[in-house]
Amino acid sequence: MANKRDYYEVLGLSKGASDDEIKKAYRKLAKQYHPDLNPDDKTAEAKFKEANEAYAVLSDADKKAKYDQFGHAGVDENGGFGGGGFGGFGGFGGMDVDLGDIFGSFFGGGGTSRRSTNGPQRGSDIEQTIELTFEQAAKGTSIDINISRYESCSSCGGSGAKKGTSPETCSKCGGRGTVNVTRRTMLGMMQTSTTCPDCGGRGKIIKEKCTSCGGAGQVRKTKKMNIKIPAGIDHGQTLTLRGEGNRGKNGGPNGDVYVTVLIKPDKIFTRRGYDVYCTMPVTFIEATLGAEIDIATLHGKVKLKIPEGTQNGTSFRLRNEGIDKLRGNGRGDQYVKIEIEVPKHLNGEQKKKLKDFGDSLGLDNFQKKKSFMDKLKEKMK
């Protein structure tokens, strides 16, 4: 526990960060260090696990409150403040001391108190990734995905009780889900609220459990969904499917599904924002004499005129041949970089003709070389 980093530091946040900030920071790290994106990378795997551990605590209101008060000790399941810690602090002269209650009273309550779980609870979210081709992401598409989630049990309607029966109000807590207990502490007898031991905080007792879900009121099912991928989506961006996550409890809303998009590299195109880049090889003759060549774009073939004397590395811009912008705000461009291919394996006759041709040109036809040679001569004087 002593070697653990501060959970806020792990997520790159300051203490007091909001739930939304915590969720956004976690998603960013989860995408960055996800094992699927970093195969055989032990460092990324460790950071992914560290982020998961931090999020598991800071996304839970009870755990976060304890962590904010006591640090790692407050959420350590293997000891923390209990078990006779603090150098044998657990005895206090034979008194049955509850240190949780002590710290709870010092810091405004909440030590070992438990809340009822019979109120509406939002279902948990589901994270999923999909892989698209370059063109699917650029043009948009629809794709089928399978979501494994908890849904309401159809046999009992989500009640958890056997068909024909209903859950009964817990007689011990009266349906509240909590009971008051009196504990002896170093400060004297104190009363706290704790989870009802009979109903587990649900406020209801199921005497005959549903045979389909075992009394849970929910079952795991796989749902096939068709989702629309908007044109222009980029690598690492996330789509949100509202209400398609795990079932809420006690009438609470369902969670959401977050689908992160991964884009396969393309053999020809690369992307920067909404612009597309590619390299087009041309022959020495085409670059010298000029030519009209066919260029592949995301939207079909177009003609590109290569001017006479085009130099290696020259880029040409094809307007509106790039990627559609999200929400229909126009389209990017395509940039074509020229790569002049020098012929190899010439035979004797070809070499002679090429040399004669070169001799006939003279240095004046090669401005860059002429300029360099002039500078070199000046330097060597």
Protein backbone atom coordinates (compact mmCIF):
# COMPACT_ATOMS: atom_id res chain seq x y z
CA MET A 1 0.00 0.00 0.00
CA ALA A 2 2.92 2.34 0.75
CA ASN A 3 4.13 2.07 -2.83
CA LYS A 4 0.84 3.04 -4.43
CA ARG A 5 0.58 6.36 -6.22
CA ASP A 6 -2.14 8.81 -5.27
CA TYR A 7 -5.27 7.89 -7.24
CA TYR A 8 -5.86 11.50 -8.32
CA GLU A 9 -2.26 11.65 -9.55
CA VAL A 10 -2.77 8.40 -11.50
CA LEU A 11 -5.69 9.98 -13.39
CA GLY A 12 -3.92 13.33 -13.76
CA LEU A 13 -6.47 15.17 -11.61
CA SER A 14 -6.58 17.40 -8.56
CA LYS A 15 -8.39 16.37 -5.39
CA GLY A 16 -12.00 17.46 -5.60
CA ALA A 17 -12.39 16.60 -9.29
CA SER A 18 -15.98 16.12 -10.42
CA ASP A 19 -17.49 12.78 -11.46
CA ASP A 20 -17.40 13.86 -15.11
CA GLU A 21 -13.73 14.84 -14.88
CA ILE A 22 -12.89 11.50 -13.27
CA LYS A 23 -14.76 9.57 -15.95
CA LYS A 24 -13.18 11.53 -18.83
CA ALA A 25 -9.67 11.15 -17.41
CA TYR A 26 -10.15 7.41 -16.95
CA ARG A 27 -11.47 6.90 -20.47
CA LYS A 28 -8.49 8.75 -21.92
CA LEU A 29 -6.00 6.58 -20.04
CA ALA A 30 -7.95 3.37 -20.75
CA LYS A 31 -7.79 4.07 -24.48
CA GLN A 32 -4.12 5.02 -24.33
CA TYR A 33 -2.96 1.97 -22.40
CA HIS A 34 -5.56 -0.63 -23.44
CA PRO A 35 -3.87 -4.07 -23.91
CA ASP A 36 -5.46 -4.44 -27.35
CA LEU A 37 -3.60 -1.34 -28.52
CA ASN A 38 -0.36 -2.20 -26.70
CA PRO A 39 0.24 -5.94 -27.15
CA ASP A 40 3.12 -7.38 -25.09
CA ASP A 41 3.76 -3.99 -23.49
CA LYS A 42 4.09 -4.68 -19.76
CA THR A 43 4.43 -0.98 -18.90
CA ALA A 44 1.15 -0.14 -20.67
CA GLU A 45 -0.52 -3.11 -18.99
CA ALA A 46 0.59 -1.91 -15.56
CA LYS A 47 -0.66 1.63 -16.24
CA PHE A 48 -3.98 0.24 -17.49
CA LYS A 49 -4.44 -1.75 -14.27
CA GLU A 50 -3.38 1.25 -12.17
CA ALA A 51 -5.95 3.47 -13.91
CA ASN A 52 -8.67 0.83 -13.42
CA GLU A 53 -7.88 0.60 -9.70
CA ALA A 54 -7.97 4.39 -9.30
CA TYR A 55 -11.26 4.68 -11.20
CA ALA A 56 -12.87 1.85 -9.21
CA VAL A 57 -12.35 3.90 -6.04
CA LEU A 58 -12.92 7.47 -7.25
CA SER A 59 -16.07 6.60 -9.25
CA ASP A 60 -17.72 5.13 -6.14
CA ALA A 61 -19.12 7.84 -3.87
CA ASP A 62 -18.57 5.89 -0.63
CA LYS A 63 -15.05 4.76 -1.48
CA LYS A 64 -14.10 8.20 -2.76
CA ALA A 65 -15.25 9.81 0.50
CA LYS A 66 -13.16 7.38 2.54
CA TYR A 67 -10.16 7.82 0.28
CA ASP A 68 -10.40 11.62 0.50
CA GLN A 69 -10.35 11.34 4.31
CA PHE A 70 -7.91 8.51 4.96
CA GLY A 71 -6.03 7.91 1.70
CA HIS A 72 -5.26 4.34 0.65
CA ALA A 73 -5.84 3.07 4.20
CA GLY A 74 -9.48 4.04 3.96
CA VAL A 75 -10.16 1.72 1.03
CA ASP A 76 -7.63 -1.05 1.71
CA GLU A 77 -9.61 -4.28 1.97
CA ASN A 78 -6.69 -6.09 3.62
CA GLY A 79 -6.35 -3.94 6.66
CA GLY A 80 -6.66 -0.20 6.53
CA PHE A 81 -7.61 1.11 9.94
CA GLY A 82 -8.84 -2.23 11.30
CA GLY A 83 -7.29 -5.44 12.54
CA GLY A 84 -5.42 -4.05 15.54
CA GLY A 85 -3.39 -1.55 13.54
CA PHE A 86 -1.70 1.48 15.05
CA GLY A 87 0.65 -0.67 17.15
CA GLY A 88 -2.00 -2.67 19.00
CA PHE A 89 -4.50 0.15 19.14
CA GLY A 90 -7.39 -2.30 18.85
CA GLY A 91 -7.62 -3.27 22.53
CA PHE A 92 -8.23 -0.14 24.58
CA GLY A 93 -8.24 -1.94 27.90
CA GLY A 94 -10.63 -4.70 26.88
CA MET A 95 -13.19 -2.37 25.32
CA ASP A 96 -14.81 -3.44 22.06
CA VAL A 97 -13.69 -0.41 20.09
CA ASP A 98 -14.83 0.31 16.55
CA LEU A 99 -12.14 2.57 15.08
CA GLY A 100 -14.34 3.30 12.09
CA ASP A 101 -16.88 4.90 14.38
CA ILE A 102 -14.13 6.86 16.12
CA PHE A 103 -12.81 8.37 12.92
CA GLY A 104 -16.35 8.84 11.68
CA SER A 105 -17.21 10.91 14.73
CA PHE A 106 -14.03 12.98 14.43
CA PHE A 107 -14.52 13.73 10.73
CA GLY A 108 -18.23 14.29 10.55
CA GLY A 109 -19.66 10.78 10.41
CA GLY A 110 -19.58 8.08 7.79
CA GLY A 111 -17.09 5.72 9.48
CA THR A 112 -18.94 2.38 9.36
CA SER A 113 -22.39 3.67 8.46
CA ARG A 114 -24.03 2.07 5.46
CA ARG A 115 -26.65 3.39 3.12
CA SER A 116 -29.77 1.67 1.92
CA THR A 117 -29.65 0.00 -1.48
CA ASN A 118 -33.40 -0.04 -2.00
CA GLY A 119 -33.49 3.30 -3.87
CA PRO A 120 -33.20 3.69 -7.65
CA GLN A 121 -29.68 2.89 -8.87
CA ARG A 122 -28.32 3.66 -12.31
CA GLY A 123 -26.97 0.70 -14.24
CA SER A 124 -23.24 0.52 -14.93
CA ASP A 125 -21.73 1.59 -18.25
CA ILE A 126 -20.17 -0.76 -20.79
CA GLU A 127 -16.95 -0.03 -22.70
CA GLN A 128 -16.42 -1.63 -26.12
CA THR A 129 -14.12 -1.17 -29.11
CA ILE A 130 -14.72 -1.70 -32.83
CA GLU A 131 -12.29 -1.74 -35.73
CA LEU A 132 -13.04 0.04 -39.00
CA THR A 133 -11.27 0.35 -42.32
CA PHE A 134 -9.93 3.75 -43.38
CA GLU A 135 -12.76 4.18 -45.90
CA GLN A 136 -15.50 3.12 -43.46
CA ALA A 137 -14.39 5.80 -41.02
CA ALA A 138 -13.97 8.44 -43.74
CA LYS A 139 -17.29 7.84 -45.51
CA GLY A 140 -19.41 6.58 -42.63
CA THR A 141 -21.11 3.21 -42.40
CA SER A 142 -23.35 1.07 -40.21
CA ILE A 143 -22.03 -1.93 -38.34
CA ASP A 144 -23.44 -4.71 -36.16
CA ILE A 145 -22.03 -5.16 -32.67
CA ASN A 146 -22.85 -7.60 -29.87
CA ILE A 147 -23.31 -6.11 -26.41
CA SER A 148 -23.19 -8.42 -23.38
CA ARG A 149 -25.25 -6.75 -20.67
CA TYR A 150 -27.52 -7.32 -17.70
CA GLU A 151 -31.22 -7.11 -18.53
CA SER A 152 -34.37 -7.49 -16.48
CA CYS A 153 -35.30 -11.14 -15.94
CA SER A 154 -38.33 -11.91 -18.09
CA SER A 155 -39.49 -14.71 -15.76
CA CYS A 156 -39.96 -12.53 -12.70
CA GLY A 157 -40.17 -9.10 -14.31
CA GLY A 158 -37.09 -8.00 -12.43
CA SER A 159 -38.48 -8.60 -8.94
CA GLY A 160 -36.25 -11.59 -8.21
CA ALA A 161 -39.19 -13.51 -6.73
CA LYS A 162 -40.56 -16.79 -8.03
CA LYS A 163 -43.40 -16.41 -10.50
CA GLY A 164 -46.68 -15.95 -8.62
CA THR A 165 -44.97 -14.49 -5.55
CA SER A 166 -43.68 -11.05 -4.62
CA PRO A 167 -40.88 -9.68 -2.44
CA GLU A 168 -42.03 -8.81 1.08
CA THR A 169 -41.13 -5.73 3.08
CA CYS A 170 -38.30 -6.52 5.47
CA SER A 171 -39.69 -6.69 9.02
CA LYS A 172 -36.37 -5.82 10.64
CA CYS A 173 -35.81 -2.46 8.92
CA GLY A 174 -39.38 -1.72 7.82
CA GLY A 175 -38.27 -1.39 4.20
CA ARG A 176 -35.69 1.30 4.87
CA GLY A 177 -32.70 -0.94 4.14
CA THR A 178 -30.82 0.34 7.21
CA VAL A 179 -31.03 -0.20 10.96
CA ASN A 180 -29.67 1.80 13.87
CA VAL A 181 -27.13 0.06 16.09
CA THR A 182 -25.41 1.16 19.29
CA ARG A 183 -21.66 0.59 19.54
CA ARG A 184 -19.16 1.10 22.30
CA THR A 185 -16.32 3.41 21.28
CA MET A 186 -13.51 5.17 23.10
CA LEU A 187 -15.86 8.16 23.29
CA GLY A 188 -18.66 6.15 24.85
CA MET A 189 -21.82 4.54 23.48
CA MET A 190 -22.66 5.84 20.02
CA GLN A 191 -25.51 5.09 17.63
CA THR A 192 -24.86 4.64 13.94
CA SER A 193 -26.87 3.54 10.92
CA THR A 194 -25.79 0.38 9.15
CA THR A 195 -27.01 -1.89 6.39
CA CYS A 196 -29.85 -4.16 7.46
CA PRO A 197 -28.37 -7.66 7.95
CA ASP A 198 -31.62 -9.39 6.99
CA CYS A 199 -32.28 -7.79 3.59
CA GLY A 200 -28.76 -6.58 2.73
CA GLY A 201 -29.99 -2.99 2.35
CA ARG A 202 -32.66 -3.78 -0.23
CA GLY A 203 -35.61 -3.25 2.10
CA LYS A 204 -37.27 -6.38 0.69
CA ILE A 205 -37.07 -10.06 1.52
CA ILE A 206 -37.43 -12.67 -1.22
CA LYS A 207 -38.66 -15.89 0.37
CA GLU A 208 -38.97 -17.84 -2.89
CA LYS A 209 -36.34 -16.87 -5.46
CA CYS A 210 -36.90 -16.87 -9.19
CA THR A 211 -35.35 -20.01 -10.67
CA SER A 212 -34.23 -18.17 -13.81
CA CYS A 213 -32.16 -15.41 -12.18
CA GLY A 214 -31.60 -16.84 -8.69
CA GLY A 215 -33.26 -13.83 -7.08
CA ALA A 216 -31.04 -11.25 -8.74
CA GLY A 217 -33.85 -9.84 -10.88
CA GLN A 218 -31.51 -9.63 -13.86
CA VAL A 219 -29.77 -11.96 -16.27
CA ARG A 220 -26.84 -11.48 -18.63
CA LYS A 221 -27.82 -11.49 -22.28
CA THR A 222 -26.11 -10.65 -25.56
CA LYS A 223 -27.91 -8.08 -27.68
CA LYS A 224 -27.07 -7.52 -31.33
CA MET A 225 -27.22 -3.85 -32.24
CA ASN A 226 -26.74 -1.97 -35.49
CA ILE A 227 -24.98 1.34 -34.94
CA LYS A 228 -24.45 4.15 -37.40
CA ILE A 229 -20.88 5.38 -37.80
CA PRO A 230 -20.85 9.04 -38.88
CA ALA A 231 -18.62 10.03 -41.79
CA GLY A 232 -15.35 11.58 -40.62
CA ILE A 233 -14.97 9.80 -37.29
CA ASP A 234 -11.32 9.53 -36.26
CA HIS A 235 -9.18 6.94 -34.50
CA GLY A 236 -9.81 6.86 -30.75
CA GLN A 237 -13.09 8.79 -30.82
CA THR A 238 -16.02 7.36 -28.87
CA LEU A 239 -19.68 6.93 -29.71
CA THR A 240 -22.22 6.97 -26.87
CA LEU A 241 -25.29 4.72 -26.93
CA ARG A 242 -27.54 6.20 -24.26
CA GLY A 243 -29.50 3.77 -22.12
CA GLU A 244 -28.05 0.66 -23.80
CA GLY A 245 -25.80 -0.33 -20.88
CA ASN A 246 -26.52 -2.55 -17.91
CA ARG A 247 -29.98 -2.51 -16.36
CA GLY A 248 -30.65 -0.11 -13.54
CA LYS A 249 -31.91 -1.37 -10.20
CA ASN A 250 -35.07 -0.48 -8.35
CA GLY A 251 -36.39 1.55 -11.26
CA GLY A 252 -33.11 3.35 -11.89
CA PRO A 253 -32.06 4.19 -15.48
CA ASN A 254 -29.90 1.89 -17.56
CA GLY A 255 -26.24 2.69 -18.04
CA ASP A 256 -24.71 3.72 -21.36
CA VAL A 257 -22.49 1.96 -23.89
CA TYR A 258 -19.28 3.69 -24.98
CA VAL A 259 -17.96 2.41 -28.30
CA THR A 260 -14.37 3.45 -29.07
CA VAL A 261 -13.37 3.41 -32.74
CA LEU A 262 -10.06 1.97 -33.90
CA ILE A 263 -9.07 2.51 -37.55
CA LYS A 264 -6.90 0.08 -39.48
CA PRO A 265 -3.95 1.62 -41.36
CA ASP A 266 -4.56 2.04 -45.11
CA LYS A 267 -2.09 0.89 -47.78
CA ILE A 268 -2.31 4.16 -49.72
CA PHE A 269 -3.80 6.94 -47.60
CA THR A 270 -2.87 8.59 -44.33
CA ARG A 271 -4.93 11.14 -42.46
CA ARG A 272 -4.33 14.45 -40.72
CA GLY A 273 -7.56 15.88 -39.42
CA TYR A 274 -9.93 15.79 -42.38
CA ASP A 275 -7.18 15.94 -45.02
CA VAL A 276 -5.87 12.87 -46.83
CA TYR A 277 -2.25 12.37 -47.90
CA CYS A 278 -0.71 9.96 -50.38
CA THR A 279 2.52 9.54 -52.35
CA MET A 280 2.38 9.02 -56.13
CA PRO A 281 5.40 7.52 -57.94
CA VAL A 282 6.04 8.98 -61.43
CA THR A 283 8.72 8.13 -63.94
CA PHE A 284 11.69 10.33 -64.71
CA ILE A 285 10.22 10.91 -68.17
CA GLU A 286 6.77 11.91 -66.85
CA ALA A 287 8.32 14.40 -64.43
CA THR A 288 10.57 15.83 -67.14
CA LEU A 289 8.09 16.14 -69.99
CA GLY A 290 4.91 16.51 -67.95
CA ALA A 291 1.99 14.09 -67.93
CA GLU A 292 -1.63 13.59 -66.95
CA ILE A 293 -2.03 10.73 -64.48
CA ASP A 294 -4.89 8.98 -62.68
CA ILE A 295 -5.04 9.54 -58.92
CA ALA A 296 -7.10 7.42 -56.51
CA THR A 297 -9.23 9.34 -53.99
CA LEU A 298 -11.82 8.27 -51.45
CA HIS A 299 -14.47 9.41 -53.91
CA GLY A 300 -13.16 7.81 -57.10
CA LYS A 301 -10.42 8.42 -59.69
CA VAL A 302 -9.47 11.95 -60.74
CA LYS A 303 -7.02 13.28 -63.34
CA LEU A 304 -3.94 15.14 -62.11
CA LYS A 305 -1.81 17.18 -64.48
CA ILE A 306 1.91 16.96 -63.76
CA PRO A 307 3.61 20.06 -65.22
CA GLU A 308 6.78 19.79 -67.27
CA GLY A 309 9.88 19.82 -65.05
CA THR A 310 8.09 18.73 -61.85
CA GLN A 311 10.62 18.18 -59.06
CA ASN A 312 10.78 15.28 -56.62
CA GLY A 313 8.75 15.94 -53.43
CA THR A 314 6.38 18.44 -55.07
CA SER A 315 2.87 18.27 -53.55
CA PHE A 316 -0.39 18.92 -55.34
CA ARG A 317 -3.67 19.79 -53.65
CA LEU A 318 -6.96 18.22 -54.72
CA ARG A 319 -9.69 20.35 -53.20
CA ASN A 320 -12.68 18.65 -51.52
CA GLU A 321 -11.30 15.15 -52.14
CA GLY A 322 -10.60 14.51 -48.47
CA ILE A 323 -12.74 13.28 -45.57
CA ASP A 324 -16.28 14.47 -44.85
CA LYS A 325 -16.34 16.58 -41.72
CA LEU A 326 -18.49 15.50 -38.80
CA ARG A 327 -21.95 17.06 -38.74
CA GLY A 328 -21.75 17.86 -42.46
CA ASN A 329 -19.52 20.93 -42.31
CA GLY A 330 -17.77 20.41 -45.62
CA ARG A 331 -14.92 18.14 -46.64
CA GLY A 332 -11.14 18.15 -46.36
CA ASP A 333 -8.61 18.09 -49.22
CA GLN A 334 -6.24 15.49 -50.59
CA TYR A 335 -2.51 16.16 -50.96
CA VAL A 336 -0.49 14.17 -53.49
CA LYS A 337 3.29 14.09 -53.04
CA ILE A 338 5.31 13.30 -56.18
CA GLU A 339 8.07 10.71 -55.90
CA ILE A 340 10.26 10.52 -59.01
CA GLU A 341 11.46 7.01 -59.70
CA VAL A 342 14.93 6.77 -61.25
CA PRO A 343 15.28 3.88 -63.75
CA LYS A 344 17.53 0.96 -62.87
CA HIS A 345 19.17 -1.86 -64.85
CA LEU A 346 19.70 0.11 -68.07
CA ASN A 347 21.44 -1.72 -70.90
CA GLY A 348 24.48 -0.33 -72.69
CA GLU A 349 22.59 1.38 -75.48
CA GLN A 350 20.17 3.03 -73.04
CA LYS A 351 23.02 4.30 -70.88
CA LYS A 352 24.79 5.79 -73.90
CA LYS A 353 21.64 7.56 -75.09
CA LEU A 354 20.97 8.90 -71.61
CA LYS A 355 24.55 10.17 -71.27
CA ASP A 356 24.40 11.85 -74.65
CA PHE A 357 21.11 13.41 -73.63
CA GLY A 358 22.61 14.65 -70.36
CA ASP A 359 25.65 16.09 -72.12
CA SER A 360 23.38 17.96 -74.50
CA LEU A 361 21.54 19.66 -71.63
CA GLY A 362 24.47 21.32 -69.97
CA LEU A 363 24.51 22.56 -66.38
CA ASP A 364 22.10 25.43 -67.07
CA ASN A 365 19.17 22.96 -67.11
CA PHE A 366 19.92 21.89 -63.54
CA GLN A 367 19.52 25.06 -61.52
CA LYS A 368 19.92 23.53 -58.06
CA LYS A 369 23.10 21.73 -59.01
CA LYS A 370 24.48 24.80 -60.81
CA SER A 371 23.77 26.95 -57.74
CA PHE A 372 25.45 24.45 -55.44
CA MET A 373 28.53 24.14 -57.67
CA ASP A 374 28.86 27.94 -57.80
CA LYS A 375 28.77 28.09 -53.99
CA LEU A 376 31.28 25.29 -53.76
CA LYS A 377 33.71 27.07 -56.10
CA GLU A 378 33.37 30.27 -54.06
CA LYS A 379 34.09 28.40 -50.85
CA MET A 380 37.20 26.72 -52.26
CA LYS A 381 38.84 29.93 -53.48
